[in-house]
């Protein structure tokens, strides 16, 4: 009987794995919730960023229109807002 009590005390590997699975499941549920709420806005933002990187000067993010300044050697140090 004493041997079986010692085995119960030392055999706790499954407990740690279960805790990690619960944490991963909670993170996954939170990520799904965030993507469900903000998914369209994130998709529009990444689309506008890709269009701006492709060289488009008038980029629409859905919320407001951004005018991207074309950079040259003379205007490289200037702010985009100006």
PDB file of N, CA and C in Angstrom:
ATOM      1  N   UNK A   1       0.821  -1.184   0.000  1.00  0.00           N
ATOM      2  CA  UNK A   1       0.000   0.000   0.000  1.00  0.00           C
ATOM      3  C   UNK A   1       0.874   1.260   0.000  1.00  0.00           C
ATOM      4  N   UNK A   2       1.952   1.241   0.742  1.00  0.00           N
ATOM      5  CA  UNK A   2       2.852   2.379   0.803  1.00  0.00           C
ATOM      6  C   UNK A   2       3.452   2.673  -0.577  1.00  0.00           C
ATOM      7  N   UNK A   3       3.740   1.624  -1.346  1.00  0.00           N
ATOM      8  CA  UNK A   3       4.305   1.758  -2.689  1.00  0.00           C
ATOM      9  C   UNK A   3       3.303   2.432  -3.639  1.00  0.00           C
ATOM     10  N   UNK A   4       2.020   2.098  -3.541  1.00  0.00           N
ATOM     11  CA  UNK A   4       1.012   2.698  -4.421  1.00  0.00           C
ATOM     12  C   UNK A   4       0.799   4.178  -4.096  1.00  0.00           C
ATOM     13  N   UNK A   5       0.927   4.575  -2.845  1.00  0.00           N
ATOM     14  CA  UNK A   5       0.811   5.982  -2.466  1.00  0.00           C
ATOM     15  C   UNK A   5       1.984   6.766  -3.040  1.00  0.00           C
ATOM     16  N   UNK A   6       3.174   6.216  -3.025  1.00  0.00           N
ATOM     17  CA  UNK A   6       4.335   6.893  -3.597  1.00  0.00           C
ATOM     18  C   UNK A   6       4.183   7.030  -5.110  1.00  0.00           C
ATOM     19  N   UNK A   7       3.634   6.037  -5.769  1.00  0.00           N
ATOM     20  CA  UNK A   7       3.423   6.118  -7.213  1.00  0.00           C
ATOM     21  C   UNK A   7       2.427   7.219  -7.563  1.00  0.00           C
ATOM     22  N   UNK A   8       1.403   7.412  -6.754  1.00  0.00           N
ATOM     23  CA  UNK A   8       0.431   8.477  -7.003  1.00  0.00           C
ATOM     24  C   UNK A   8       1.061   9.855  -6.849  1.00  0.00           C
ATOM     25  N   UNK A   9       1.975   9.982  -5.910  1.00  0.00           N
ATOM     26  CA  UNK A   9       2.625  11.274  -5.682  1.00  0.00           C
ATOM     27  C   UNK A   9       3.592  11.630  -6.810  1.00  0.00           C
ATOM     28  N   UNK A  10       4.303  10.671  -7.352  1.00  0.00           N
ATOM     29  CA  UNK A  10       5.332  10.951  -8.351  1.00  0.00           C
ATOM     30  C   UNK A  10       4.798  10.922  -9.784  1.00  0.00           C
ATOM     31  N   UNK A  11       3.654  10.345 -10.030  1.00  0.00           N
ATOM     32  CA  UNK A  11       3.131  10.208 -11.385  1.00  0.00           C
ATOM     33  C   UNK A  11       2.125  11.320 -11.669  1.00  0.00           C
ATOM     34  N   UNK A  12       2.635  12.546 -11.931  1.00  0.00           N
ATOM     35  CA  UNK A  12       1.779  13.695 -12.208  1.00  0.00           C
ATOM     36  C   UNK A  12       2.089  14.308 -13.572  1.00  0.00           C
ATOM     37  N   UNK A  13       2.581  13.526 -14.495  1.00  0.00           N
ATOM     38  CA  UNK A  13       2.918  14.049 -15.817  1.00  0.00           C
ATOM     39  C   UNK A  13       1.668  14.456 -16.595  1.00  0.00           C
ATOM     40  N   UNK A  14       0.594  13.723 -16.437  1.00  0.00           N
ATOM     41  CA  UNK A  14      -0.642  14.029 -17.149  1.00  0.00           C
ATOM     42  C   UNK A  14      -1.275  15.322 -16.700  1.00  0.00           C
ATOM     43  N   UNK A  15      -1.076  15.708 -15.464  1.00  0.00           N
ATOM     44  CA  UNK A  15      -1.667  16.930 -14.938  1.00  0.00           C
ATOM     45  C   UNK A  15      -1.091  18.157 -15.644  1.00  0.00           C
ATOM     46  N   UNK A  16       0.214  18.215 -15.822  1.00  0.00           N
ATOM     47  CA  UNK A  16       0.838  19.348 -16.498  1.00  0.00           C
ATOM     48  C   UNK A  16       0.402  19.454 -17.946  1.00  0.00           C
ATOM     49  N   UNK A  17       0.298  18.321 -18.625  1.00  0.00           N
ATOM     50  CA  UNK A  17      -0.135  18.320 -20.023  1.00  0.00           C
ATOM     51  C   UNK A  17      -1.573  18.809 -20.135  1.00  0.00           C
ATOM     52  N   UNK A  18      -2.422  18.422 -19.216  1.00  0.00           N
ATOM     53  CA  UNK A  18      -3.816  18.857 -19.238  1.00  0.00           C
ATOM     54  C   UNK A  18      -3.916  20.368 -19.028  1.00  0.00           C
ATOM     55  N   UNK A  19      -3.108  20.905 -18.156  1.00  0.00           N
ATOM     56  CA  UNK A  19      -3.116  22.347 -17.931  1.00  0.00           C
ATOM     57  C   UNK A  19      -2.679  23.098 -19.184  1.00  0.00           C
ATOM     58  N   UNK A  20      -1.675  22.607 -19.881  1.00  0.00           N
ATOM     59  CA  UNK A  20      -1.232  23.244 -21.118  1.00  0.00           C
ATOM     60  C   UNK A  20      -2.313  23.169 -22.188  1.00  0.00           C
ATOM     61  N   UNK A  21      -3.016  22.060 -22.271  1.00  0.00           N
ATOM     62  CA  UNK A  21      -4.092  21.919 -23.256  1.00  0.00           C
ATOM     63  C   UNK A  21      -5.205  22.915 -22.965  1.00  0.00           C
ATOM     64  N   UNK A  22      -5.536  23.105 -21.696  1.00  0.00           N
ATOM     65  CA  UNK A  22      -6.571  24.074 -21.332  1.00  0.00           C
ATOM     66  C   UNK A  22      -6.135  25.490 -21.691  1.00  0.00           C
ATOM     67  N   UNK A  23      -4.883  25.842 -21.437  1.00  0.00           N
ATOM     68  CA  UNK A  23      -4.372  27.172 -21.774  1.00  0.00           C
ATOM     69  C   UNK A  23      -4.399  27.395 -23.281  1.00  0.00           C
ATOM     70  N   UNK A  24      -3.965  26.409 -24.056  1.00  0.00           N
ATOM     71  CA  UNK A  24      -3.970  26.530 -25.518  1.00  0.00           C
ATOM     72  C   UNK A  24      -5.399  26.671 -26.031  1.00  0.00           C
ATOM     73  N   UNK A  25      -6.339  25.929 -25.454  1.00  0.00           N
ATOM     74  CA  UNK A  25      -7.735  26.028 -25.873  1.00  0.00           C
ATOM     75  C   UNK A  25      -8.301  27.419 -25.577  1.00  0.00           C
ATOM     76  N   UNK A  26      -7.982  27.985 -24.420  1.00  0.00           N
ATOM     77  CA  UNK A  26      -8.461  29.330 -24.088  1.00  0.00           C
ATOM     78  C   UNK A  26      -7.872  30.384 -25.023  1.00  0.00           C
ATOM     79  N   UNK A  27      -6.600  30.243 -25.366  1.00  0.00           N
ATOM     80  CA  UNK A  27      -5.969  31.175 -26.309  1.00  0.00           C
ATOM     81  C   UNK A  27      -6.618  31.057 -27.677  1.00  0.00           C
ATOM     82  N   UNK A  28      -6.910  29.841 -28.111  1.00  0.00           N
ATOM     83  CA  UNK A  28      -7.559  29.637 -29.411  1.00  0.00           C
ATOM     84  C   UNK A  28      -8.954  30.257 -29.428  1.00  0.00           C
ATOM     85  N   UNK A  29      -9.711  30.099 -28.350  1.00  0.00           N
ATOM     86  CA  UNK A  29     -11.051  30.683 -28.272  1.00  0.00           C
ATOM     87  C   UNK A  29     -10.963  32.210 -28.302  1.00  0.00           C
ATOM     88  N   UNK A  30      -9.995  32.783 -27.593  1.00  0.00           N
ATOM     89  CA  UNK A  30      -9.813  34.234 -27.602  1.00  0.00           C
ATOM     90  C   UNK A  30      -9.431  34.732 -28.996  1.00  0.00           C
ATOM     91  N   UNK A  31      -8.553  34.007 -29.677  1.00  0.00           N
ATOM     92  CA  UNK A  31      -8.135  34.403 -31.026  1.00  0.00           C
ATOM     93  C   UNK A  31      -9.308  34.346 -32.002  1.00  0.00           C
ATOM     94  N   UNK A  32     -10.132  33.325 -31.891  1.00  0.00           N
ATOM     95  CA  UNK A  32     -11.306  33.217 -32.764  1.00  0.00           C
ATOM     96  C   UNK A  32     -12.259  34.373 -32.498  1.00  0.00           C
ATOM     97  N   UNK A  33     -12.430  34.738 -31.232  1.00  0.00           N
ATOM     98  CA  UNK A  33     -13.294  35.867 -30.902  1.00  0.00           C
ATOM     99  C   UNK A  33     -12.785  37.176 -31.469  1.00  0.00           C
ATOM    100  N   UNK A  34     -11.490  37.422 -31.360  1.00  0.00           N
ATOM    101  CA  UNK A  34     -10.900  38.655 -31.879  1.00  0.00           C
ATOM    102  C   UNK A  34     -11.015  38.703 -33.396  1.00  0.00           C
ATOM    103  N   UNK A  35     -10.758  37.597 -34.054  1.00  0.00           N
ATOM    104  CA  UNK A  35     -10.855  37.563 -35.516  1.00  0.00           C
ATOM    105  C   UNK A  35     -12.297  37.744 -35.961  1.00  0.00           C
ATOM    106  N   UNK A  36     -13.240  37.187 -35.214  1.00  0.00           N
ATOM    107  CA  UNK A  36     -14.654  37.356 -35.556  1.00  0.00           C
ATOM    108  C   UNK A  36     -15.069  38.817 -35.431  1.00  0.00           C
ATOM    109  N   UNK A  37     -14.613  39.482 -34.392  1.00  0.00           N
ATOM    110  CA  UNK A  37     -15.005  40.878 -34.164  1.00  0.00           C
ATOM    111  C   UNK A  37     -14.290  41.827 -35.125  1.00  0.00           C
ATOM    112  N   UNK A  38     -12.975  41.683 -35.275  1.00  0.00           N
ATOM    113  CA  UNK A  38     -12.171  42.640 -36.037  1.00  0.00           C
ATOM    114  C   UNK A  38     -11.706  42.108 -37.390  1.00  0.00           C
ATOM    115  N   UNK A  39     -12.208  40.987 -37.845  1.00  0.00           N
ATOM    116  CA  UNK A  39     -11.710  40.343 -39.063  1.00  0.00           C
ATOM    117  C   UNK A  39     -11.788  41.197 -40.307  1.00  0.00           C
ATOM    118  N   UNK A  40     -12.946  41.842 -40.528  1.00  0.00           N
ATOM    119  CA  UNK A  40     -13.100  42.663 -41.726  1.00  0.00           C
ATOM    120  C   UNK A  40     -12.166  43.867 -41.717  1.00  0.00           C
ATOM    121  N   UNK A  41     -12.032  44.495 -40.550  1.00  0.00           N
ATOM    122  CA  UNK A  41     -11.137  45.653 -40.454  1.00  0.00           C
ATOM    123  C   UNK A  41      -9.685  45.250 -40.688  1.00  0.00           C
ATOM    124  N   UNK A  42      -9.277  44.131 -40.136  1.00  0.00           N
ATOM    125  CA  UNK A  42      -7.903  43.649 -40.326  1.00  0.00           C
ATOM    126  C   UNK A  42      -7.666  43.300 -41.787  1.00  0.00           C
ATOM    127  N   UNK A  43      -8.639  42.669 -42.422  1.00  0.00           N
ATOM    128  CA  UNK A  43      -8.514  42.302 -43.838  1.00  0.00           C
ATOM    129  C   UNK A  43      -8.374  43.556 -44.701  1.00  0.00           C
ATOM    130  N   UNK A  44      -9.178  44.598 -44.421  1.00  0.00           N
ATOM    131  CA  UNK A  44      -9.081  45.848 -45.180  1.00  0.00           C
ATOM    132  C   UNK A  44      -7.744  46.542 -44.958  1.00  0.00           C
ATOM    133  N   UNK A  45      -7.266  46.515 -43.722  1.00  0.00           N
ATOM    134  CA  UNK A  45      -5.990  47.158 -43.408  1.00  0.00           C
ATOM    135  C   UNK A  45      -4.833  46.481 -44.134  1.00  0.00           C
ATOM    136  N   UNK A  46      -4.810  45.136 -44.117  1.00  0.00           N
ATOM    137  CA  UNK A  46      -3.745  44.429 -44.825  1.00  0.00           C
ATOM    138  C   UNK A  46      -3.859  44.611 -46.337  1.00  0.00           C
ATOM    139  N   UNK A  47      -5.073  44.666 -46.854  1.00  0.00           N
ATOM    140  CA  UNK A  47      -5.261  44.908 -48.285  1.00  0.00           C
ATOM    141  C   UNK A  47      -4.755  46.274 -48.691  1.00  0.00           C
ATOM    142  N   UNK A  48      -5.064  47.281 -47.876  1.00  0.00           N
ATOM    143  CA  UNK A  48      -4.587  48.641 -48.169  1.00  0.00           C
ATOM    144  C   UNK A  48      -3.072  48.715 -48.074  1.00  0.00           C
ATOM    145  N   UNK A  49      -2.498  48.013 -47.102  1.00  0.00           N
ATOM    146  CA  UNK A  49      -1.034  47.998 -46.976  1.00  0.00           C
ATOM    147  C   UNK A  49      -0.393  47.343 -48.192  1.00  0.00           C
ATOM    148  N   UNK A  50      -0.966  46.259 -48.662  1.00  0.00           N
ATOM    149  CA  UNK A  50      -0.426  45.580 -49.847  1.00  0.00           C
ATOM    150  C   UNK A  50      -0.539  46.473 -51.079  1.00  0.00           C
ATOM    151  N   UNK A  51      -1.655  47.180 -51.204  1.00  0.00           N
ATOM    152  CA  UNK A  51      -1.810  48.101 -52.338  1.00  0.00           C
ATOM    153  C   UNK A  51      -0.799  49.243 -52.267  1.00  0.00           C
ATOM    154  N   UNK A  52      -0.557  49.767 -51.078  1.00  0.00           N
ATOM    155  CA  UNK A  52       0.424  50.841 -50.937  1.00  0.00           C
ATOM    156  C   UNK A  52       1.825  50.349 -51.258  1.00  0.00           C
ATOM    157  N   UNK A  53       2.150  49.147 -50.836  1.00  0.00           N
ATOM    158  CA  UNK A  53       3.465  48.583 -51.161  1.00  0.00           C
ATOM    159  C   UNK A  53       3.605  48.308 -52.651  1.00  0.00           C
ATOM    160  N   UNK A  54       2.499  48.052 -53.324  1.00  0.00           N
ATOM    161  CA  UNK A  54       2.534  47.788 -54.759  1.00  0.00           C
ATOM    162  C   UNK A  54       2.690  49.071 -55.571  1.00  0.00           C
ATOM    163  N   UNK A  55       2.568  50.230 -54.907  1.00  0.00           N
ATOM    164  CA  UNK A  55       2.806  51.477 -55.605  1.00  0.00           C
ATOM    165  C   UNK A  55       1.568  52.315 -55.832  1.00  0.00           C
ATOM    166  N   UNK A  56       0.424  51.881 -55.373  1.00  0.00           N
ATOM    167  CA  UNK A  56      -0.797  52.665 -55.531  1.00  0.00           C
ATOM    168  C   UNK A  56      -0.724  53.902 -54.636  1.00  0.00           C
ATOM    169  N   UNK A  57      -1.092  55.076 -55.183  1.00  0.00           N
ATOM    170  CA  UNK A  57      -0.964  56.302 -54.405  1.00  0.00           C
ATOM    171  C   UNK A  57      -2.232  56.660 -53.636  1.00  0.00           C
ATOM    172  N   UNK A  58      -3.399  56.268 -54.096  1.00  0.00           N
ATOM    173  CA  UNK A  58      -4.654  56.530 -53.379  1.00  0.00           C
ATOM    174  C   UNK A  58      -5.147  55.216 -52.792  1.00  0.00           C
ATOM    175  N   UNK A  59      -4.940  55.048 -51.500  1.00  0.00           N
ATOM    176  CA  UNK A  59      -5.260  53.797 -50.827  1.00  0.00           C
ATOM    177  C   UNK A  59      -6.452  54.023 -49.906  1.00  0.00           C
ATOM    178  N   UNK A  60      -7.468  53.152 -50.000  1.00  0.00           N
ATOM    179  CA  UNK A  60      -8.636  53.233 -49.135  1.00  0.00           C
ATOM    180  C   UNK A  60      -8.618  52.064 -48.160  1.00  0.00           C
ATOM    181  N   UNK A  61      -8.693  52.368 -46.876  1.00  0.00           N
ATOM    182  CA  UNK A  61      -8.704  51.311 -45.855  1.00  0.00           C
ATOM    183  C   UNK A  61     -10.114  50.962 -45.409  1.00  0.00           C
ATOM    184  N   UNK A  62     -11.108  51.615 -45.944  1.00  0.00           N
ATOM    185  CA  UNK A  62     -12.473  51.387 -45.527  1.00  0.00           C
ATOM    186  C   UNK A  62     -12.957  52.487 -44.604  1.00  0.00           C
ATOM    187  N   UNK A  63     -12.121  52.958 -43.720  1.00  0.00           N
ATOM    188  CA  UNK A  63     -12.507  54.010 -42.789  1.00  0.00           C
ATOM    189  C   UNK A  63     -12.273  55.391 -43.409  1.00  0.00           C
ATOM    190  N   UNK A  64     -11.085  55.598 -43.940  1.00  0.00           N
ATOM    191  CA  UNK A  64     -10.786  56.869 -44.590  1.00  0.00           C
ATOM    192  C   UNK A  64      -9.763  56.639 -45.689  1.00  0.00           C
ATOM    193  N   UNK A  65      -9.691  57.586 -46.586  1.00  0.00           N
ATOM    194  CA  UNK A  65      -8.800  57.478 -47.733  1.00  0.00           C
ATOM    195  C   UNK A  65      -7.444  58.075 -47.385  1.00  0.00           C
ATOM    196  N   UNK A  66      -6.403  57.358 -47.723  1.00  0.00           N
ATOM    197  CA  UNK A  66      -5.051  57.834 -47.445  1.00  0.00           C
ATOM    198  C   UNK A  66      -4.365  58.169 -48.759  1.00  0.00           C
ATOM    199  N   UNK A  67      -3.706  59.305 -48.801  1.00  0.00           N
ATOM    200  CA  UNK A  67      -2.948  59.702 -49.971  1.00  0.00           C
ATOM    201  C   UNK A  67      -1.476  59.414 -49.685  1.00  0.00           C
ATOM    202  N   UNK A  68      -0.926  58.458 -50.399  1.00  0.00           N
ATOM    203  CA  UNK A  68       0.448  58.036 -50.175  1.00  0.00           C
ATOM    204  C   UNK A  68       1.358  58.860 -51.066  1.00  0.00           C
ATOM    205  N   UNK A  69       2.355  59.492 -50.461  1.00  0.00           N
ATOM    206  CA  UNK A  69       3.290  60.329 -51.196  1.00  0.00           C
ATOM    207  C   UNK A  69       4.328  59.448 -51.887  1.00  0.00           C
ATOM    208  N   UNK A  70       4.565  59.718 -53.162  1.00  0.00           N
ATOM    209  CA  UNK A  70       5.598  59.002 -53.892  1.00  0.00           C
ATOM    210  C   UNK A  70       6.950  59.569 -53.482  1.00  0.00           C
ATOM    211  N   UNK A  71       7.834  58.715 -53.045  1.00  0.00           N
ATOM    212  CA  UNK A  71       9.132  59.159 -52.539  1.00  0.00           C
ATOM    213  C   UNK A  71      10.163  59.196 -53.675  1.00  0.00           C
ATOM    214  N   UNK A  72      10.935  60.271 -53.671  1.00  0.00           N
ATOM    215  CA  UNK A  72      12.084  60.393 -54.563  1.00  0.00           C
ATOM    216  C   UNK A  72      13.281  60.720 -53.687  1.00  0.00           C
ATOM    217  N   UNK A  73      14.419  60.915 -54.282  1.00  0.00           N
ATOM    218  CA  UNK A  73      15.591  61.267 -53.484  1.00  0.00           C
ATOM    219  C   UNK A  73      15.424  62.627 -52.817  1.00  0.00           C
ATOM    220  N   UNK A  74      14.678  63.545 -53.441  1.00  0.00           N
ATOM    221  CA  UNK A  74      14.472  64.871 -52.855  1.00  0.00           C
ATOM    222  C   UNK A  74      13.443  64.849 -51.728  1.00  0.00           C
ATOM    223  N   UNK A  75      12.451  63.965 -51.813  1.00  0.00           N
ATOM    224  CA  UNK A  75      11.356  63.947 -50.838  1.00  0.00           C
ATOM    225  C   UNK A  75      11.467  62.781 -49.863  1.00  0.00           C
ATOM    226  N   UNK A  76      12.563  62.085 -49.840  1.00  0.00           N
ATOM    227  CA  UNK A  76      12.684  60.888 -48.995  1.00  0.00           C
ATOM    228  C   UNK A  76      12.554  61.197 -47.510  1.00  0.00           C
ATOM    229  N   UNK A  77      13.108  62.291 -47.042  1.00  0.00           N
ATOM    230  CA  UNK A  77      13.086  62.632 -45.636  1.00  0.00           C
ATOM    231  C   UNK A  77      11.822  63.348 -45.187  1.00  0.00           C
ATOM    232  N   UNK A  78      10.927  63.658 -46.106  1.00  0.00           N
ATOM    233  CA  UNK A  78       9.718  64.392 -45.755  1.00  0.00           C
ATOM    234  C   UNK A  78       8.668  63.467 -45.155  1.00  0.00           C
ATOM    235  N   UNK A  79       7.793  64.060 -44.347  1.00  0.00           N
ATOM    236  CA  UNK A  79       6.697  63.307 -43.720  1.00  0.00           C
ATOM    237  C   UNK A  79       5.618  62.999 -44.762  1.00  0.00           C
ATOM    238  N   UNK A  80       4.942  61.843 -44.627  1.00  0.00           N
ATOM    239  CA  UNK A  80       3.880  61.465 -45.552  1.00  0.00           C
ATOM    240  C   UNK A  80       2.661  62.380 -45.455  1.00  0.00           C
ATOM    241  N   UNK A  81       2.437  62.966 -44.296  1.00  0.00           N
ATOM    242  CA  UNK A  81       1.250  63.800 -44.117  1.00  0.00           C
ATOM    243  C   UNK A  81       1.352  65.119 -44.881  1.00  0.00           C
ATOM    244  N   UNK A  82       2.566  65.563 -45.170  1.00  0.00           N
ATOM    245  CA  UNK A  82       2.744  66.868 -45.810  1.00  0.00           C
ATOM    246  C   UNK A  82       2.773  66.856 -47.253  1.00  0.00           C
TER     247      UNK A  82
END
